[in-house]
Protein backbone atom coordinates (compact mmCIF):
# COMPACT_ATOMS: atom_id res chain seq x y z
CA UNK A 1 24.82 -67.44 -50.47
CA UNK A 2 27.36 -64.41 -50.71
CA UNK A 3 25.11 -62.76 -53.49
CA UNK A 4 22.20 -63.21 -50.85
CA UNK A 5 23.99 -61.55 -48.08
CA UNK A 6 25.07 -58.54 -49.93
CA UNK A 7 21.53 -58.00 -51.17
CA UNK A 8 20.23 -58.04 -47.78
CA UNK A 9 23.17 -55.72 -46.46
CA UNK A 10 22.52 -53.19 -49.28
CA UNK A 11 18.46 -53.17 -48.44
CA UNK A 12 19.14 -52.76 -44.70
CA UNK A 13 21.85 -50.16 -45.47
CA UNK A 14 19.28 -48.39 -47.80
CA UNK A 15 16.53 -48.59 -45.24
CA UNK A 16 18.60 -46.99 -42.53
CA UNK A 17 19.55 -44.01 -44.50
CA UNK A 18 15.92 -43.23 -45.16
CA UNK A 19 15.09 -43.69 -41.63
CA UNK A 20 17.84 -41.13 -40.65
CA UNK A 21 16.67 -38.73 -43.61
CA UNK A 22 13.05 -39.15 -42.31
CA UNK A 23 13.95 -38.58 -38.68
CA UNK A 24 16.24 -35.41 -39.79
CA UNK A 25 13.10 -34.07 -41.48
CA UNK A 26 10.83 -34.85 -38.60
CA UNK A 27 12.84 -33.64 -35.67
CA UNK A 28 14.51 -30.82 -36.52
CA UNK A 29 16.65 -29.24 -33.87
CA UNK A 30 16.47 -25.27 -34.71
CA UNK A 31 18.90 -22.97 -32.62
CA UNK A 32 17.18 -20.67 -30.19
CA UNK A 33 16.78 -17.01 -31.50
CA UNK A 34 18.77 -14.84 -29.31
CA UNK A 35 17.98 -11.48 -31.01
CA UNK A 36 16.86 -8.68 -29.18
CA UNK A 37 13.10 -7.73 -30.15
CA UNK A 38 10.71 -5.35 -28.73
CA UNK A 39 7.97 -8.21 -28.27
CA UNK A 40 10.53 -10.27 -26.26
CA UNK A 41 11.22 -7.19 -23.98
CA UNK A 42 7.03 -6.60 -23.63
CA UNK A 43 6.64 -10.42 -23.19
CA UNK A 44 9.23 -10.39 -20.11
CA UNK A 45 6.97 -7.84 -18.33
CA UNK A 46 3.52 -9.36 -19.12
CA UNK A 47 0.87 -8.66 -16.30
CA UNK A 48 3.13 -5.92 -14.69
CA UNK A 49 0.41 -2.98 -14.02
CA UNK A 50 3.38 -0.51 -13.37
CA UNK A 51 5.15 -1.30 -16.60
CA UNK A 52 4.70 1.63 -19.27
CA UNK A 53 4.76 1.09 -22.95
CA UNK A 54 4.65 4.35 -24.96
CA UNK A 55 4.70 4.58 -28.60
CA UNK A 56 5.74 7.69 -30.83
CA UNK A 57 6.26 8.46 -34.67
CA UNK A 58 3.72 6.04 -35.77
CA UNK A 59 5.10 3.24 -33.41
CA UNK A 60 8.54 3.67 -34.81
CA UNK A 61 9.65 4.73 -31.43
CA UNK A 62 8.79 2.85 -28.41
CA UNK A 63 9.60 3.86 -24.92
CA UNK A 64 9.64 1.10 -22.13
CA UNK A 65 10.08 1.84 -18.45
CA UNK A 66 9.05 1.59 -14.76
CA UNK A 67 6.95 4.73 -13.74
CA UNK A 68 7.83 4.46 -10.06
CA UNK A 69 11.68 3.63 -10.79
CA UNK A 70 12.48 6.69 -13.24
CA UNK A 71 12.28 10.37 -13.19
CA UNK A 72 9.17 11.05 -15.38
CA UNK A 73 9.74 14.89 -15.22
CA UNK A 74 13.17 14.65 -16.68
CA UNK A 75 12.22 11.98 -19.45
CA UNK A 76 9.21 14.07 -20.63
CA UNK A 77 11.06 17.57 -20.32
CA UNK A 78 14.54 16.79 -21.16
CA UNK A 79 14.81 13.72 -23.20
CA UNK A 80 11.77 12.98 -25.26
CA UNK A 81 11.11 16.72 -26.73
CA UNK A 82 14.49 16.48 -28.78
CA UNK A 83 13.42 12.88 -30.28
CA UNK A 84 9.63 14.11 -30.76
CA UNK A 85 10.25 17.43 -32.40
CA UNK A 86 13.34 16.74 -34.66
CA UNK A 87 12.43 16.92 -38.59
CA UNK A 88 15.78 15.29 -39.06
CA UNK A 89 16.29 11.48 -38.69
CA UNK A 90 16.84 10.21 -35.11
CA UNK A 91 20.06 8.37 -35.76
CA UNK A 92 22.24 11.61 -34.91
CA UNK A 93 20.63 12.24 -31.71
CA UNK A 94 21.16 8.52 -30.49
CA UNK A 95 24.77 8.83 -30.97
CA UNK A 96 25.32 11.24 -28.01
CA UNK A 97 26.89 9.80 -24.88
CA UNK A 98 23.62 9.64 -22.83
CA UNK A 99 22.25 6.76 -25.29
CA UNK A 100 23.92 3.44 -24.62
CA UNK A 101 23.21 1.22 -27.81
CA UNK A 102 22.29 -2.16 -26.33
CA UNK A 103 21.90 -5.75 -28.15
CA UNK A 104 21.59 -8.22 -25.23
CA UNK A 105 18.31 -9.27 -24.01
CA UNK A 106 19.31 -9.89 -20.50
CA UNK A 107 20.87 -6.68 -19.98
CA UNK A 108 17.74 -4.64 -20.92
CA UNK A 109 15.67 -6.62 -18.87
CA UNK A 110 17.79 -5.70 -15.77
CA UNK A 111 18.64 -2.15 -16.64
CA UNK A 112 14.88 -1.44 -16.71
CA UNK A 113 14.34 -3.32 -13.38
CA UNK A 114 17.21 -1.02 -12.01
CA UNK A 115 15.23 2.07 -13.17
CA UNK A 116 16.61 3.04 -17.06
CA UNK A 117 14.52 3.49 -19.67
CA UNK A 118 14.63 1.45 -22.93
CA UNK A 119 14.01 3.33 -26.29
CA UNK A 120 13.39 0.92 -29.38
CA UNK A 121 14.08 2.80 -32.50
CA UNK A 122 13.89 0.98 -36.11
CA UNK A 123 14.66 -2.30 -34.31
CA UNK A 124 17.82 -0.85 -32.26
CA UNK A 125 17.53 -0.46 -28.69
CA UNK A 126 19.27 2.11 -26.38
CA UNK A 127 19.29 2.47 -22.88
CA UNK A 128 19.25 6.09 -21.19
CA UNK A 129 19.62 6.76 -17.42
CA UNK A 130 16.75 8.34 -15.46
CA UNK A 131 16.67 6.27 -12.29
CA UNK A 132 15.21 8.27 -9.43
CA UNK A 133 15.91 6.23 -6.35
CA UNK A 134 13.30 6.43 -3.64
CA UNK A 135 14.75 6.53 -0.18
CA UNK A 136 14.88 8.11 3.06
CA UNK A 137 17.03 10.93 3.73
CA UNK A 138 19.98 10.43 6.16
CA UNK A 139 18.95 10.53 9.58
CA UNK A 140 20.39 9.80 13.40
CA UNK A 141 20.56 6.44 14.24
CA UNK A 142 17.69 5.30 16.48
CA UNK A 143 19.45 2.19 17.78
CA UNK A 144 23.20 3.43 18.30
CA UNK A 145 22.66 7.09 19.55
CA UNK A 146 25.76 8.64 20.87
CA UNK A 147 26.33 12.11 22.60
CA UNK A 148 29.70 13.24 21.35
CA UNK A 149 30.38 12.76 17.41
CA UNK A 150 28.21 12.61 14.28
CA UNK A 151 24.92 11.41 14.25
CA UNK A 152 24.40 10.11 10.68
CA UNK A 153 23.21 6.79 9.98
CA UNK A 154 22.89 4.38 6.92
CA UNK A 155 19.91 4.41 4.75
CA UNK A 156 18.36 1.67 2.71
CA UNK A 157 20.28 3.00 -0.48
CA UNK A 158 23.36 1.68 -0.96
CA UNK A 159 24.97 4.07 -3.43
CA UNK A 160 23.80 6.86 -0.06
CA UNK A 161 25.81 4.45 2.15
CA UNK A 162 28.92 4.23 0.02
CA UNK A 163 29.04 8.22 -0.47
CA UNK A 164 28.73 8.40 3.53
CA UNK A 165 31.76 6.23 3.48
CA UNK A 166 33.52 8.01 0.82
CA UNK A 167 33.27 11.21 2.36
CA UNK A 168 35.14 9.84 5.63
CA UNK A 169 37.89 7.73 3.67
CA UNK A 170 38.89 9.91 1.12
CA UNK A 171 41.51 7.37 -0.61
CA UNK A 172 41.97 5.80 -3.69
CA UNK A 173 43.01 2.64 -1.93
CA UNK A 174 39.47 2.37 -0.97
CA UNK A 175 38.53 -0.65 -2.94
CA UNK A 176 34.90 -1.33 -3.72
CA UNK A 177 33.71 -4.83 -5.40
CA UNK A 178 30.06 -5.03 -6.62
CA UNK A 179 28.40 -8.70 -6.35
CA UNK A 180 24.82 -10.05 -6.59
CA UNK A 181 23.12 -12.70 -4.09
CA UNK A 182 19.37 -14.37 -4.71
CA UNK A 183 18.53 -16.13 -7.63
CA UNK A 184 15.36 -14.31 -7.78
CA UNK A 185 16.10 -10.82 -6.04
CA UNK A 186 19.44 -10.24 -7.47
CA UNK A 187 20.43 -7.98 -4.93
CA UNK A 188 23.46 -5.72 -4.60
CA UNK A 189 25.97 -6.54 -2.08
CA UNK A 190 29.10 -4.58 -2.18
CA UNK A 191 32.45 -5.47 -0.71
CA UNK A 192 34.80 -2.65 0.75
CA UNK A 193 38.48 -2.54 2.05
CA UNK A 194 41.56 -0.58 1.88
CA UNK A 195 44.55 -2.10 -0.12
CA UNK A 196 47.76 -2.49 1.37
CA UNK A 197 45.88 -2.77 5.02
CA UNK A 198 43.32 -5.30 4.53
CA UNK A 199 44.51 -9.15 4.21
CA UNK A 200 43.89 -9.93 0.85
CA UNK A 201 43.35 -13.34 1.74
CA UNK A 202 40.49 -12.50 3.93
CA UNK A 203 39.16 -10.37 1.21
CA UNK A 204 39.43 -13.35 -1.17
CA UNK A 205 37.42 -15.38 1.32
CA UNK A 206 34.55 -13.12 2.00
CA UNK A 207 33.80 -12.68 -1.69
CA UNK A 208 34.10 -16.52 -2.17
CA UNK A 209 31.57 -17.07 0.45
CA UNK A 210 29.12 -14.57 -0.86
CA UNK A 211 29.42 -16.08 -4.57
CA UNK A 212 28.86 -19.46 -3.18
CA UNK A 213 25.51 -18.64 -1.88
CA UNK A 214 22.50 -20.24 -3.51
CA UNK A 215 19.26 -19.17 -2.12
CA UNK A 216 16.14 -17.40 -4.02
CA UNK A 217 16.04 -14.19 -1.77
CA UNK A 218 18.20 -12.30 0.61
CA UNK A 219 16.80 -8.98 2.23
CA UNK A 220 18.95 -7.86 4.45
CA UNK A 221 22.66 -7.83 5.53
CA UNK A 222 21.79 -9.78 8.87
CA UNK A 223 20.46 -12.30 6.62
CA UNK A 224 23.37 -12.23 4.31
CA UNK A 225 25.99 -12.92 7.39
CA UNK A 226 23.99 -15.99 8.53
CA UNK A 227 24.83 -17.58 5.28
CA UNK A 228 28.51 -16.85 5.43
CA UNK A 229 29.17 -17.62 8.95
CA UNK A 230 32.25 -19.61 9.98
CA UNK A 231 29.87 -21.68 12.38
CA UNK A 232 26.19 -21.37 11.60
CA UNK A 233 25.30 -23.30 14.95
CA UNK A 234 27.25 -20.64 17.21
CA UNK A 235 24.88 -18.54 19.45
CA UNK A 236 27.81 -15.70 19.27
CA UNK A 237 27.94 -13.17 16.71
CA UNK A 238 31.06 -13.73 14.21
CA UNK A 239 30.62 -10.27 12.34
CA UNK A 240 30.17 -6.73 13.49
CA UNK A 241 26.92 -4.96 12.48
CA UNK A 242 26.47 -1.11 12.68
CA UNK A 243 24.31 1.62 11.40
CA UNK A 244 26.94 4.23 11.87
CA UNK A 245 29.42 5.23 8.57
CA UNK A 246 31.95 6.64 11.38
CA UNK A 247 32.23 3.36 12.96
CA UNK A 248 32.37 1.60 9.29
CA UNK A 249 35.37 4.27 8.42
CA UNK A 250 37.20 3.19 11.29
CA UNK A 251 36.97 -0.60 10.82
CA UNK A 252 38.23 0.15 7.10
CA UNK A 253 41.24 2.02 8.23
CA UNK A 254 41.97 -0.73 10.85
CA UNK A 255 42.33 -3.34 8.09
CA UNK A 256 38.63 -5.00 8.25
CA UNK A 257 36.56 -6.18 5.22
CA UNK A 258 33.07 -4.46 5.03
CA UNK A 259 29.69 -5.32 3.47
CA UNK A 260 26.94 -3.26 2.58
CA UNK A 261 23.96 -4.47 0.85
CA UNK A 262 21.45 -2.23 -1.01
CA UNK A 263 17.84 -2.28 0.71
CA UNK A 264 19.59 -2.80 4.25
CA UNK A 265 20.45 0.05 6.36
CA UNK A 266 22.84 -2.35 8.44
CA UNK A 267 26.63 -2.61 7.20
CA UNK A 268 28.97 -5.52 8.63
CA UNK A 269 32.57 -5.88 9.32
CA UNK A 270 35.12 -9.06 9.52
CA UNK A 271 37.23 -10.47 10.85
CA UNK A 272 36.10 -9.52 14.53
CA UNK A 273 37.24 -10.34 18.10
CA UNK A 274 35.17 -10.61 21.49
CA UNK A 275 36.16 -7.14 22.95
CA UNK A 276 34.91 -5.03 19.83
CA UNK A 277 31.54 -5.71 20.62
CA UNK A 278 32.27 -3.89 24.02
CA UNK A 279 33.40 -0.61 22.42
CA UNK A 280 31.20 2.56 21.87
CA UNK A 281 31.88 5.11 19.35
CA UNK A 282 31.53 7.68 22.52
CA UNK A 283 35.08 5.84 23.42
CA UNK A 284 36.91 7.56 20.46
CA UNK A 285 35.30 10.98 20.88
CA UNK A 286 36.12 11.50 24.58
CA UNK A 287 39.33 11.87 26.45
CA UNK A 288 41.00 8.68 26.42
CA UNK A 289 40.96 8.46 30.24
CA UNK A 290 37.34 8.86 30.18
CA UNK A 291 36.89 6.44 27.48
CA UNK A 292 38.99 3.82 28.95
CA UNK A 293 37.16 4.01 32.19
CA UNK A 294 34.04 3.38 30.35
CA UNK A 295 35.48 0.24 28.72
CA UNK A 296 36.68 -1.04 31.97
CA UNK A 297 33.16 -0.37 33.60
CA UNK A 298 31.47 -2.55 30.69
CA UNK A 299 33.98 -5.36 31.57
CA UNK A 300 33.28 -5.30 34.96
CA UNK A 301 29.28 -5.15 34.48
CA UNK A 302 29.72 -8.25 32.41
CA UNK A 303 31.85 -9.92 34.98
CA UNK A 304 29.43 -9.01 37.81
CA UNK A 305 26.31 -10.04 35.78
CA UNK A 306 27.69 -13.63 35.03
CA UNK A 307 29.16 -14.16 38.34
CA UNK A 308 27.54 -12.53 41.45
CA UNK A 309 24.03 -13.79 40.35
CA UNK A 310 25.36 -17.21 40.28
CA UNK A 311 27.14 -17.00 43.40
CA UNK A 312 24.09 -15.69 45.21
CA UNK A 313 21.75 -18.29 43.84
CA UNK A 314 24.42 -20.96 45.01
CA UNK A 315 25.17 -19.62 48.46
CA UNK A 316 21.22 -19.25 49.40
CA UNK A 317 20.58 -22.55 47.96
CA UNK A 318 23.38 -24.79 49.10
CA UNK A 319 25.60 -23.08 51.18
CA UNK A 320 23.00 -20.99 53.54
CA UNK A 321 24.96 -21.47 56.62
CA UNK A 322 27.02 -18.57 55.06
CA UNK A 323 24.11 -16.08 55.32
CA UNK A 324 23.59 -14.15 58.84
CA UNK A 325 21.13 -16.07 60.90
CA UNK A 326 18.79 -12.74 61.19
CA UNK A 327 18.34 -12.54 57.23
CA UNK A 328 17.85 -16.06 56.94
CA UNK A 329 14.88 -16.21 59.45
CA UNK A 330 13.67 -12.88 57.90
CA UNK A 331 13.68 -14.54 54.33
CA UNK A 332 11.71 -17.70 55.74
CA UNK A 333 9.12 -15.36 57.60
CA UNK A 334 8.70 -13.27 54.69
CA UNK A 335 8.02 -16.25 52.44
CA UNK A 336 5.36 -17.62 54.66
CA UNK A 337 3.72 -14.32 54.71
CA UNK A 338 3.53 -13.78 50.86
CA UNK A 339 1.65 -17.41 50.67
CA UNK A 340 -0.63 -16.26 53.70
CA UNK A 341 -1.40 -13.13 51.35
CA UNK A 342 -1.96 -15.15 48.32
CA UNK A 343 -4.48 -17.39 50.09
CA UNK A 344 -6.39 -14.55 51.71
CA UNK A 345 -6.94 -12.86 48.26
CA UNK A 346 -7.90 -16.23 46.48
CA UNK A 347 -10.59 -16.70 49.06
CA UNK A 348 -11.19 -12.93 49.46
CA UNK A 349 -10.62 -12.79 53.05
CA UNK A 350 -9.09 -9.89 54.93
CA UNK A 351 -7.88 -11.28 58.14
CA UNK A 352 -5.10 -8.88 58.57
CA UNK A 353 -7.66 -5.70 58.53
CA UNK A 354 -5.87 -4.00 55.36
CA UNK A 355 -9.30 -2.55 54.57
CA UNK A 356 -9.10 -0.32 57.74
CA UNK A 357 -6.11 1.44 56.32
CA UNK A 358 -7.33 1.70 53.07
CA UNK A 359 -10.48 3.23 54.29
CA UNK A 360 -8.80 5.76 56.44
CA UNK A 361 -6.41 6.45 53.46
CA UNK A 362 -9.00 7.18 50.91
CA UNK A 363 -12.00 8.59 52.98
CA UNK A 364 -15.71 7.22 53.63
CA UNK A 365 -17.53 8.22 50.96
CA UNK A 366 -15.10 6.57 48.32
CA UNK A 367 -14.69 3.42 50.56
CA UNK A 368 -18.75 2.96 50.22
CA UNK A 369 -18.70 2.79 46.63
CA UNK A 370 -15.72 0.19 46.56
CA UNK A 371 -16.19 -3.54 46.60
CA UNK A 372 -13.27 -4.60 48.85
CA UNK A 373 -13.30 -8.19 48.15
CA UNK A 374 -12.91 -7.77 44.52
CA UNK A 375 -10.25 -4.84 45.12
CA UNK A 376 -8.20 -7.00 47.35
CA UNK A 377 -7.69 -9.38 44.70
CA UNK A 378 -5.86 -6.61 42.51
CA UNK A 379 -3.98 -4.92 45.44
CA UNK A 380 -0.37 -5.34 45.15
CA UNK A 381 0.34 -6.31 48.89
CA UNK A 382 4.30 -7.44 49.81
CA UNK A 383 5.40 -9.16 52.96
CA UNK A 384 8.80 -7.74 54.31
CA UNK A 385 9.89 -9.18 57.99
CA UNK A 386 12.93 -7.64 59.50
CA UNK A 387 14.32 -9.88 62.24
CA UNK A 388 16.70 -8.42 64.91
CA UNK A 389 17.97 -10.92 67.68
CA UNK A 390 18.70 -9.46 70.82
CA UNK A 391 20.39 -11.95 72.57
CA UNK A 392 21.47 -15.70 72.21
CA UNK A 393 20.49 -18.33 74.82
CA UNK A 394 23.25 -20.13 76.58
CA UNK A 395 24.03 -23.58 75.81
CA UNK A 396 25.90 -26.54 77.60
């Protein structure tokens, strides 16, 4: 019995080993090939009509780039001739500082999308900076125009906006942190703050919130701040947005954290309080007395808008006895007169003889050409009644 069990165990063990060997042969698990190859880069940009691929030296040298993102004049005039006209091997030329040797496929793809050119020479890849950013020039802000002070505004180019800020805040303590948002768009976001002035905890919180964003695309700074709001359901703004570099510079100096997004002419600052939304750049460029008076006028306008309108509606609707009798009678008759005029226009009837005044005003020849019934419907007529009580009767 023991002998039989032993033989059965050996046979089953043999079969299991054979099965494992057969499995390993039939189902191999090869490692992915992460090597940087020319064909891999070309496949990444398949069906891209604006992608340029040129070959030189009997297809030993390959140049890849996007035509609308690079400076083709500089590429063809300054960079390609030394490579094409050289009788010596190209290895010494590629050792120059302008050539960056790369071995990472992901970095090559991202660099080409950023506007760099990729050179392939004998299975070695080199990146060269020929970026030619297309953006509008610095112009005056159309939404935040002022009378006194600088008239520059941000553009859609992040580096241009950073230079406008650096020109105003020339300090080594101004720190710039680069982040990326959007799983598809990979938009660049720059967080700026002045070290030893801004609260480090606030800086870390802003960076954390931007890194935690999970979304396919963000195209503008106004979209970005909606993703990092404290309360997404609040109707009040929680970040101050502006297109003016001088405003952003003043916020940085006062300890705020600033955000700039590539492709957006709007910058944002945080944290912000309610009263900052009432200030204007003009307030800082005028004399302190005029700036302070303008600020108080804005607060007064807010109080008048919020309170007096509601007070008038409440008085006229629920406490009409507070309104003088003459004014109440005038309002009542004017309202009835407007209703009568509306009925006259609807039925094309001129019971008040308005046509006589119009005929005397325009002349008889023009009056004959006019269809008065139709013109009456278009004519704006407003009924305004003024009542003056001469005397009141005596009551017992």
